[in-house]
Amino acid sequence: MRITIDQDACIGSGQCVLGSPEVFDQRDADGIVVLLQDNPEPGLQKDVREAARICPARAITLTPP
């Protein structure tokens, strides 16, 4: 899976970080999402899918590798 984020769409809710802290973080200044891994290992993919699903801004896009 490949992950892309739209920082312009992100509203800084932090749901992605709560769902998958190994893959997502937030900037200290404004809370906007920061991608730590754009191709997570298989063991993290369930959490990443859930993080993308619950993102209120739909700022996370997942695509097959």
PDB file of N, CA and C in Angstrom:
ATOM      1  N   MET A   1       0.834  -1.172   0.000  1.00  0.00           N
ATOM      2  CA  MET A   1       0.000   0.000   0.000  1.00  0.00           C
ATOM      3  C   MET A   1       0.883   1.240   0.000  1.00  0.00           C
ATOM      4  N   ARG A   2       0.453   2.220  -0.753  1.00  0.00           N
ATOM      5  CA  ARG A   2       1.126   3.524  -0.777  1.00  0.00           C
ATOM      6  C   ARG A   2       0.182   4.542  -0.156  1.00  0.00           C
ATOM      7  N   ILE A   3       0.755   5.434   0.627  1.00  0.00           N
ATOM      8  CA  ILE A   3      -0.041   6.455   1.306  1.00  0.00           C
ATOM      9  C   ILE A   3       0.359   7.821   0.781  1.00  0.00           C
ATOM     10  N   THR A   4      -0.630   8.632   0.471  1.00  0.00           N
ATOM     11  CA  THR A   4      -0.378  10.038   0.174  1.00  0.00           C
ATOM     12  C   THR A   4      -1.301  10.855   1.063  1.00  0.00           C
ATOM     13  N   ILE A   5      -0.815  12.025   1.435  1.00  0.00           N
ATOM     14  CA  ILE A   5      -1.621  12.904   2.270  1.00  0.00           C
ATOM     15  C   ILE A   5      -1.764  14.258   1.589  1.00  0.00           C
ATOM     16  N   ASP A   6      -2.876  14.888   1.850  1.00  0.00           N
ATOM     17  CA  ASP A   6      -3.141  16.227   1.331  1.00  0.00           C
ATOM     18  C   ASP A   6      -3.093  17.182   2.523  1.00  0.00           C
ATOM     19  N   GLN A   7      -1.926  17.777   2.738  1.00  0.00           N
ATOM     20  CA  GLN A   7      -1.759  18.664   3.880  1.00  0.00           C
ATOM     21  C   GLN A   7      -2.656  19.895   3.781  1.00  0.00           C
ATOM     22  N   ASP A   8      -3.019  20.296   2.566  1.00  0.00           N
ATOM     23  CA  ASP A   8      -3.920  21.437   2.409  1.00  0.00           C
ATOM     24  C   ASP A   8      -5.336  21.106   2.890  1.00  0.00           C
ATOM     25  N   ALA A   9      -5.726  19.851   2.766  1.00  0.00           N
ATOM     26  CA  ALA A   9      -7.059  19.436   3.207  1.00  0.00           C
ATOM     27  C   ALA A   9      -7.103  19.117   4.703  1.00  0.00           C
ATOM     28  N   CYS A  10      -5.973  18.758   5.280  1.00  0.00           N
ATOM     29  CA  CYS A  10      -5.908  18.340   6.682  1.00  0.00           C
ATOM     30  C   CYS A  10      -6.404  19.453   7.604  1.00  0.00           C
ATOM     31  N   ILE A  11      -7.239  19.062   8.582  1.00  0.00           N
ATOM     32  CA  ILE A  11      -7.743  20.024   9.559  1.00  0.00           C
ATOM     33  C   ILE A  11      -7.103  19.841  10.933  1.00  0.00           C
ATOM     34  N   GLY A  12      -6.153  18.921  11.036  1.00  0.00           N
ATOM     35  CA  GLY A  12      -5.400  18.745  12.275  1.00  0.00           C
ATOM     36  C   GLY A  12      -6.160  18.070  13.403  1.00  0.00           C
ATOM     37  N   SER A  13      -7.116  17.216  13.090  1.00  0.00           N
ATOM     38  CA  SER A  13      -7.899  16.557  14.144  1.00  0.00           C
ATOM     39  C   SER A  13      -7.087  15.509  14.904  1.00  0.00           C
ATOM     40  N   GLY A  14      -6.066  14.954  14.259  1.00  0.00           N
ATOM     41  CA  GLY A  14      -5.193  13.992  14.923  1.00  0.00           C
ATOM     42  C   GLY A  14      -5.712  12.576  14.973  1.00  0.00           C
ATOM     43  N   GLN A  15      -6.818  12.289  14.326  1.00  0.00           N
ATOM     44  CA  GLN A  15      -7.364  10.930  14.344  1.00  0.00           C
ATOM     45  C   GLN A  15      -6.398   9.928  13.723  1.00  0.00           C
ATOM     46  N   CYS A  16      -5.679  10.344  12.709  1.00  0.00           N
ATOM     47  CA  CYS A  16      -4.719   9.446  12.052  1.00  0.00           C
ATOM     48  C   CYS A  16      -3.586   9.062  13.007  1.00  0.00           C
ATOM     49  N   VAL A  17      -3.132  10.014  13.793  1.00  0.00           N
ATOM     50  CA  VAL A  17      -2.054   9.749  14.746  1.00  0.00           C
ATOM     51  C   VAL A  17      -2.531   8.793  15.834  1.00  0.00           C
ATOM     52  N   LEU A  18      -3.747   8.986  16.294  1.00  0.00           N
ATOM     53  CA  LEU A  18      -4.300   8.076  17.297  1.00  0.00           C
ATOM     54  C   LEU A  18      -4.457   6.665  16.739  1.00  0.00           C
ATOM     55  N   GLY A  19      -4.825   6.571  15.471  1.00  0.00           N
ATOM     56  CA  GLY A  19      -5.051   5.269  14.853  1.00  0.00           C
ATOM     57  C   GLY A  19      -3.798   4.544  14.424  1.00  0.00           C
ATOM     58  N   SER A  20      -2.777   5.293  14.033  1.00  0.00           N
ATOM     59  CA  SER A  20      -1.552   4.669  13.530  1.00  0.00           C
ATOM     60  C   SER A  20      -0.344   5.582  13.773  1.00  0.00           C
ATOM     61  N   PRO A  21       0.109   5.674  15.023  1.00  0.00           N
ATOM     62  CA  PRO A  21       1.206   6.583  15.355  1.00  0.00           C
ATOM     63  C   PRO A  21       2.551   6.212  14.737  1.00  0.00           C
ATOM     64  N   GLU A  22       2.687   4.981  14.260  1.00  0.00           N
ATOM     65  CA  GLU A  22       3.930   4.578  13.599  1.00  0.00           C
ATOM     66  C   GLU A  22       4.033   5.168  12.196  1.00  0.00           C
ATOM     67  N   VAL A  23       2.896   5.566  11.644  1.00  0.00           N
ATOM     68  CA  VAL A  23       2.843   6.021  10.256  1.00  0.00           C
ATOM     69  C   VAL A  23       2.566   7.524  10.149  1.00  0.00           C
ATOM     70  N   PHE A  24       1.797   8.061  11.087  1.00  0.00           N
ATOM     71  CA  PHE A  24       1.402   9.466  11.022  1.00  0.00           C
ATOM     72  C   PHE A  24       1.865  10.236  12.253  1.00  0.00           C
ATOM     73  N   ASP A  25       2.142  11.504  12.063  1.00  0.00           N
ATOM     74  CA  ASP A  25       2.459  12.418  13.146  1.00  0.00           C
ATOM     75  C   ASP A  25       1.815  13.757  12.796  1.00  0.00           C
ATOM     76  N   GLN A  26       1.980  14.735  13.670  1.00  0.00           N
ATOM     77  CA  GLN A  26       1.451  16.067  13.411  1.00  0.00           C
ATOM     78  C   GLN A  26       2.543  17.101  13.642  1.00  0.00           C
ATOM     79  N   ARG A  27       2.502  18.167  12.832  1.00  0.00           N
ATOM     80  CA  ARG A  27       3.429  19.276  13.038  1.00  0.00           C
ATOM     81  C   ARG A  27       3.078  19.965  14.351  1.00  0.00           C
ATOM     82  N   ASP A  28       4.092  20.349  15.087  1.00  0.00           N
ATOM     83  CA  ASP A  28       3.871  21.015  16.367  1.00  0.00           C
ATOM     84  C   ASP A  28       3.187  22.370  16.193  1.00  0.00           C
ATOM     85  N   ALA A  29       3.532  23.082  15.156  1.00  0.00           N
ATOM     86  CA  ALA A  29       3.044  24.454  14.976  1.00  0.00           C
ATOM     87  C   ALA A  29       1.542  24.532  14.725  1.00  0.00           C
ATOM     88  N   ASP A  30       1.012  23.604  13.923  1.00  0.00           N
ATOM     89  CA  ASP A  30      -0.395  23.738  13.530  1.00  0.00           C
ATOM     90  C   ASP A  30      -1.193  22.439  13.528  1.00  0.00           C
ATOM     91  N   GLY A  31      -0.580  21.320  13.880  1.00  0.00           N
ATOM     92  CA  GLY A  31      -1.293  20.052  13.962  1.00  0.00           C
ATOM     93  C   GLY A  31      -1.540  19.345  12.648  1.00  0.00           C
ATOM     94  N   ILE A  32      -1.006  19.877  11.562  1.00  0.00           N
ATOM     95  CA  ILE A  32      -1.203  19.256  10.248  1.00  0.00           C
ATOM     96  C   ILE A  32      -0.439  17.934  10.182  1.00  0.00           C
ATOM     97  N   VAL A  33      -1.045  16.971   9.521  1.00  0.00           N
ATOM     98  CA  VAL A  33      -0.484  15.627   9.426  1.00  0.00           C
ATOM     99  C   VAL A  33       0.889  15.629   8.745  1.00  0.00           C
ATOM    100  N   VAL A  34       1.747  14.743   9.267  1.00  0.00           N
ATOM    101  CA  VAL A  34       3.064  14.483   8.686  1.00  0.00           C
ATOM    102  C   VAL A  34       3.144  12.981   8.472  1.00  0.00           C
ATOM    103  N   LEU A  35       3.532  12.579   7.295  1.00  0.00           N
ATOM    104  CA  LEU A  35       3.645  11.163   6.959  1.00  0.00           C
ATOM    105  C   LEU A  35       5.032  10.659   7.356  1.00  0.00           C
ATOM    106  N   LEU A  36       5.080   9.662   8.222  1.00  0.00           N
ATOM    107  CA  LEU A  36       6.347   9.083   8.657  1.00  0.00           C
ATOM    108  C   LEU A  36       6.789   7.932   7.758  1.00  0.00           C
ATOM    109  N   GLN A  37       5.824   7.221   7.179  1.00  0.00           N
ATOM    110  CA  GLN A  37       6.098   6.094   6.281  1.00  0.00           C
ATOM    111  C   GLN A  37       5.082   6.145   5.152  1.00  0.00           C
ATOM    112  N   ASP A  38       5.551   6.128   3.920  1.00  0.00           N
ATOM    113  CA  ASP A  38       4.588   6.145   2.813  1.00  0.00           C
ATOM    114  C   ASP A  38       4.279   4.754   2.281  1.00  0.00           C
ATOM    115  N   ASN A  39       4.980   3.746   2.784  1.00  0.00           N
ATOM    116  CA  ASN A  39       4.759   2.364   2.363  1.00  0.00           C
ATOM    117  C   ASN A  39       4.910   1.461   3.601  1.00  0.00           C
ATOM    118  N   PRO A  40       3.904   1.433   4.474  1.00  0.00           N
ATOM    119  CA  PRO A  40       4.036   0.707   5.737  1.00  0.00           C
ATOM    120  C   PRO A  40       4.065  -0.807   5.556  1.00  0.00           C
ATOM    121  N   GLU A  41       4.683  -1.459   6.511  1.00  0.00           N
ATOM    122  CA  GLU A  41       4.755  -2.916   6.496  1.00  0.00           C
ATOM    123  C   GLU A  41       3.341  -3.501   6.659  1.00  0.00           C
ATOM    124  N   PRO A  42       3.150  -4.730   6.219  1.00  0.00           N
ATOM    125  CA  PRO A  42       1.817  -5.339   6.247  1.00  0.00           C
ATOM    126  C   PRO A  42       1.149  -5.323   7.627  1.00  0.00           C
ATOM    127  N   GLY A  43       1.904  -5.456   8.689  1.00  0.00           N
ATOM    128  CA  GLY A  43       1.332  -5.475  10.028  1.00  0.00           C
ATOM    129  C   GLY A  43       0.682  -4.164  10.447  1.00  0.00           C
ATOM    130  N   LEU A  44       1.013  -3.077   9.777  1.00  0.00           N
ATOM    131  CA  LEU A  44       0.452  -1.763  10.102  1.00  0.00           C
ATOM    132  C   LEU A  44      -0.710  -1.369   9.199  1.00  0.00           C
ATOM    133  N   GLN A  45      -0.932  -2.118   8.145  1.00  0.00           N
ATOM    134  CA  GLN A  45      -1.882  -1.683   7.126  1.00  0.00           C
ATOM    135  C   GLN A  45      -3.336  -1.627   7.605  1.00  0.00           C
ATOM    136  N   LYS A  46      -3.724  -2.498   8.500  1.00  0.00           N
ATOM    137  CA  LYS A  46      -5.098  -2.451   9.019  1.00  0.00           C
ATOM    138  C   LYS A  46      -5.323  -1.127   9.753  1.00  0.00           C
ATOM    139  N   ASP A  47      -4.379  -0.737  10.596  1.00  0.00           N
ATOM    140  CA  ASP A  47      -4.501   0.530  11.331  1.00  0.00           C
ATOM    141  C   ASP A  47      -4.472   1.728  10.389  1.00  0.00           C
ATOM    142  N   VAL A  48      -3.662   1.658   9.344  1.00  0.00           N
ATOM    143  CA  VAL A  48      -3.588   2.752   8.373  1.00  0.00           C
ATOM    144  C   VAL A  48      -4.920   2.891   7.632  1.00  0.00           C
ATOM    145  N   ARG A  49      -5.511   1.779   7.243  1.00  0.00           N
ATOM    146  CA  ARG A  49      -6.818   1.831   6.573  1.00  0.00           C
ATOM    147  C   ARG A  49      -7.871   2.465   7.478  1.00  0.00           C
ATOM    148  N   GLU A  50      -7.835   2.114   8.740  1.00  0.00           N
ATOM    149  CA  GLU A  50      -8.794   2.690   9.686  1.00  0.00           C
ATOM    150  C   GLU A  50      -8.540   4.185   9.869  1.00  0.00           C
ATOM    151  N   ALA A  51      -7.278   4.582   9.950  1.00  0.00           N
ATOM    152  CA  ALA A  51      -6.946   6.004  10.080  1.00  0.00           C
ATOM    153  C   ALA A  51      -7.459   6.792   8.880  1.00  0.00           C
ATOM    154  N   ALA A  52      -7.294   6.244   7.688  1.00  0.00           N
ATOM    155  CA  ALA A  52      -7.790   6.912   6.485  1.00  0.00           C
ATOM    156  C   ALA A  52      -9.316   6.980   6.495  1.00  0.00           C
ATOM    157  N   ARG A  53      -9.958   5.931   6.966  1.00  0.00           N
ATOM    158  CA  ARG A  53     -11.414   5.880   6.998  1.00  0.00           C
ATOM    159  C   ARG A  53     -12.005   6.917   7.948  1.00  0.00           C
ATOM    160  N   ILE A  54     -11.361   7.134   9.094  1.00  0.00           N
ATOM    161  CA  ILE A  54     -11.926   8.046  10.086  1.00  0.00           C
ATOM    162  C   ILE A  54     -11.450   9.484   9.941  1.00  0.00           C
ATOM    163  N   CYS A  55     -10.569   9.753   8.988  1.00  0.00           N
ATOM    164  CA  CYS A  55     -10.092  11.125   8.776  1.00  0.00           C
ATOM    165  C   CYS A  55     -11.273  12.022   8.373  1.00  0.00           C
ATOM    166  N   PRO A  56     -11.605  13.016   9.194  1.00  0.00           N
ATOM    167  CA  PRO A  56     -12.766  13.850   8.873  1.00  0.00           C
ATOM    168  C   PRO A  56     -12.584  14.712   7.626  1.00  0.00           C
ATOM    169  N   ALA A  57     -11.348  14.978   7.249  1.00  0.00           N
ATOM    170  CA  ALA A  57     -11.073  15.802   6.068  1.00  0.00           C
ATOM    171  C   ALA A  57     -10.809  14.974   4.819  1.00  0.00           C
ATOM    172  N   ARG A  58     -10.765  13.638   4.974  1.00  0.00           N
ATOM    173  CA  ARG A  58     -10.445  12.746   3.847  1.00  0.00           C
ATOM    174  C   ARG A  58      -9.110  13.157   3.208  1.00  0.00           C
ATOM    175  N   ALA A  59      -8.147  13.462   4.053  1.00  0.00           N
ATOM    176  CA  ALA A  59      -6.843  13.940   3.597  1.00  0.00           C
ATOM    177  C   ALA A  59      -5.846  12.811   3.323  1.00  0.00           C
ATOM    178  N   ILE A  60      -6.249  11.573   3.570  1.00  0.00           N
ATOM    179  CA  ILE A  60      -5.363  10.411   3.400  1.00  0.00           C
ATOM    180  C   ILE A  60      -5.877   9.570   2.245  1.00  0.00           C
ATOM    181  N   THR A  61      -4.997   9.289   1.296  1.00  0.00           N
ATOM    182  CA  THR A  61      -5.341   8.443   0.151  1.00  0.00           C
ATOM    183  C   THR A  61      -4.461   7.206   0.172  1.00  0.00           C
ATOM    184  N   LEU A  62      -5.086   6.058   0.009  1.00  0.00           N
ATOM    185  CA  LEU A  62      -4.368   4.772  -0.027  1.00  0.00           C
ATOM    186  C   LEU A  62      -4.499   4.177  -1.422  1.00  0.00           C
ATOM    187  N   THR A  63      -3.385   3.694  -1.940  1.00  0.00           N
ATOM    188  CA  THR A  63      -3.379   3.039  -3.237  1.00  0.00           C
ATOM    189  C   THR A  63      -2.560   1.761  -3.159  1.00  0.00           C
ATOM    190  N   PRO A  64      -2.855   0.788  -4.006  1.00  0.00           N
ATOM    191  CA  PRO A  64      -2.043  -0.431  -4.020  1.00  0.00           C
ATOM    192  C   PRO A  64      -0.609  -0.099  -4.430  1.00  0.00           C
ATOM    193  N   PRO A  65       0.330  -0.942  -4.000  1.00  0.00           N
ATOM    194  CA  PRO A  65       1.750  -0.680  -4.347  1.00  0.00           C
ATOM    195  C   PRO A  65       2.015  -0.749  -5.835  1.00  0.00           C
TER     196      PRO A  65
END
